[in-house]
Every structure is written in C-alpha cells, then in structure tokens.
C-alpha cells in the first residue's frame, strides 16, 4: 500500500498563518485550527491579555481539561457497558 503524501495546508490561528502539513483530510485540519483560533479568542477576551503565548497556553490547558473530562466520562461509560 502506497503511503499518502503529506500536503501543506495554510491555517490561521490567532492572527498568525501556519503552513501545516498533513497526510490526512485538509478540511479536518482546518476545522481543528478554527477550533483552536476560536478558543484562543475567547480566552483573550476573558483574560484581557495581549500575550499570544500566554493565551495559547491558557487555551491549551482549557482544551486539555475538556479532553480529560470527556475521556473520563467515556472510560466510565465503557466500564458500565462491560458490566452488563
């Protein structure tokens, strides 16, 4: 099976364009970038900070927290399903 070649996909996050490479669906990568951009804009409005790196870290922490909570819920649901 031939490996799919990576393509460059320009995305904009918090005012900066990043030329990212993906061997997956470019639209999915754009969707992820839009999610991060939206989250960073939300964090910047709540913190009133103008520091891009600080906003990025706070946004990453919030997204990681959301992921961990969803993962915990998912794992608990799987455990309940396995009990039946």
Protein backbone atom coordinates (compact mmCIF):
# COMPACT_ATOMS: atom_id res chain seq x y z
CA UNK A 1 0.00 0.00 0.00
CA UNK A 2 1.40 3.39 -1.02
CA UNK A 3 1.73 5.96 1.75
CA UNK A 4 -0.34 9.10 1.18
CA UNK A 5 1.88 12.11 0.56
CA UNK A 6 1.64 14.99 3.03
CA UNK A 7 0.30 18.27 1.72
CA UNK A 8 0.80 21.76 3.05
CA UNK A 9 -2.32 23.43 4.42
CA UNK A 10 -2.15 27.09 5.47
CA UNK A 11 -4.27 27.80 8.56
CA UNK A 12 -4.70 30.97 10.58
CA UNK A 13 -4.70 30.82 14.35
CA UNK A 14 -4.98 33.97 16.43
CA UNK A 15 -3.78 36.22 13.62
CA UNK A 16 -0.81 34.12 12.52
CA UNK A 17 -0.76 31.90 9.46
CA UNK A 18 0.85 28.50 9.90
CA UNK A 19 1.74 26.30 6.90
CA UNK A 20 0.97 22.91 8.42
CA UNK A 21 1.49 19.55 6.73
CA UNK A 22 -0.95 16.67 6.84
CA UNK A 23 -1.35 13.33 5.16
CA UNK A 24 -4.97 13.30 6.30
CA UNK A 25 -8.00 15.35 5.35
CA UNK A 26 -7.02 19.03 4.93
CA UNK A 27 -10.57 20.11 5.85
CA UNK A 28 -10.27 18.29 9.17
CA UNK A 29 -7.02 20.14 9.90
CA UNK A 30 -8.70 23.44 9.04
CA UNK A 31 -11.57 22.54 11.38
CA UNK A 32 -9.12 21.87 14.23
CA UNK A 33 -7.29 25.14 13.56
CA UNK A 34 -10.60 27.05 13.60
CA UNK A 35 -11.47 25.43 16.92
CA UNK A 36 -8.13 26.49 18.43
CA UNK A 37 -8.47 30.00 16.96
CA UNK A 38 -11.97 30.42 18.40
CA UNK A 39 -10.85 29.14 21.79
CA UNK A 40 -7.84 31.47 21.89
CA UNK A 41 -10.04 34.45 21.00
CA UNK A 42 -12.43 33.50 23.80
CA UNK A 43 -9.58 33.21 26.31
CA UNK A 44 -8.14 36.57 25.23
CA UNK A 45 -11.49 38.28 25.82
CA UNK A 46 -11.84 36.75 29.28
CA UNK A 47 -8.27 37.40 30.42
CA UNK A 48 -7.75 40.75 28.70
CA UNK A 49 -4.23 39.58 27.94
CA UNK A 50 -2.42 40.56 24.75
CA UNK A 51 0.33 37.97 25.10
CA UNK A 52 -0.14 35.38 22.34
CA UNK A 53 1.98 32.71 24.07
CA UNK A 54 0.14 33.19 27.38
CA UNK A 55 -3.24 32.99 25.66
CA UNK A 56 -2.08 29.89 23.78
CA UNK A 57 -1.04 28.15 26.97
CA UNK A 58 -4.29 29.03 28.75
CA UNK A 59 -6.32 27.83 25.76
CA UNK A 60 -4.30 24.61 25.59
CA UNK A 61 -4.90 23.99 29.31
CA UNK A 62 -8.65 24.53 28.90
CA UNK A 63 -8.79 22.21 25.88
CA UNK A 64 -6.73 19.58 27.73
CA UNK A 65 -9.10 19.83 30.71
CA UNK A 66 -12.10 19.38 28.43
CA UNK A 67 -10.45 16.37 26.77
CA UNK A 68 -9.61 14.74 30.12
CA UNK A 69 -13.17 15.18 31.39
CA UNK A 70 -14.60 13.69 28.19
CA UNK A 71 -12.10 10.82 28.32
CA UNK A 72 -13.05 10.08 31.94
CA UNK A 73 -16.76 10.06 31.03
CA UNK A 74 -16.05 7.80 28.06
CA UNK A 75 -13.99 5.37 30.15
CA UNK A 76 -16.73 5.25 32.80
CA UNK A 77 -19.35 4.57 30.11
CA UNK A 78 -17.24 1.75 28.68
CA UNK A 79 -16.84 0.24 32.15
CA UNK A 80 -20.62 0.35 32.66
CA UNK A 81 -21.23 -1.31 29.30
CA UNK A 82 -18.71 -4.06 30.08
CA UNK A 83 -20.51 -4.83 33.38
CA UNK A 84 -23.72 -5.75 31.52
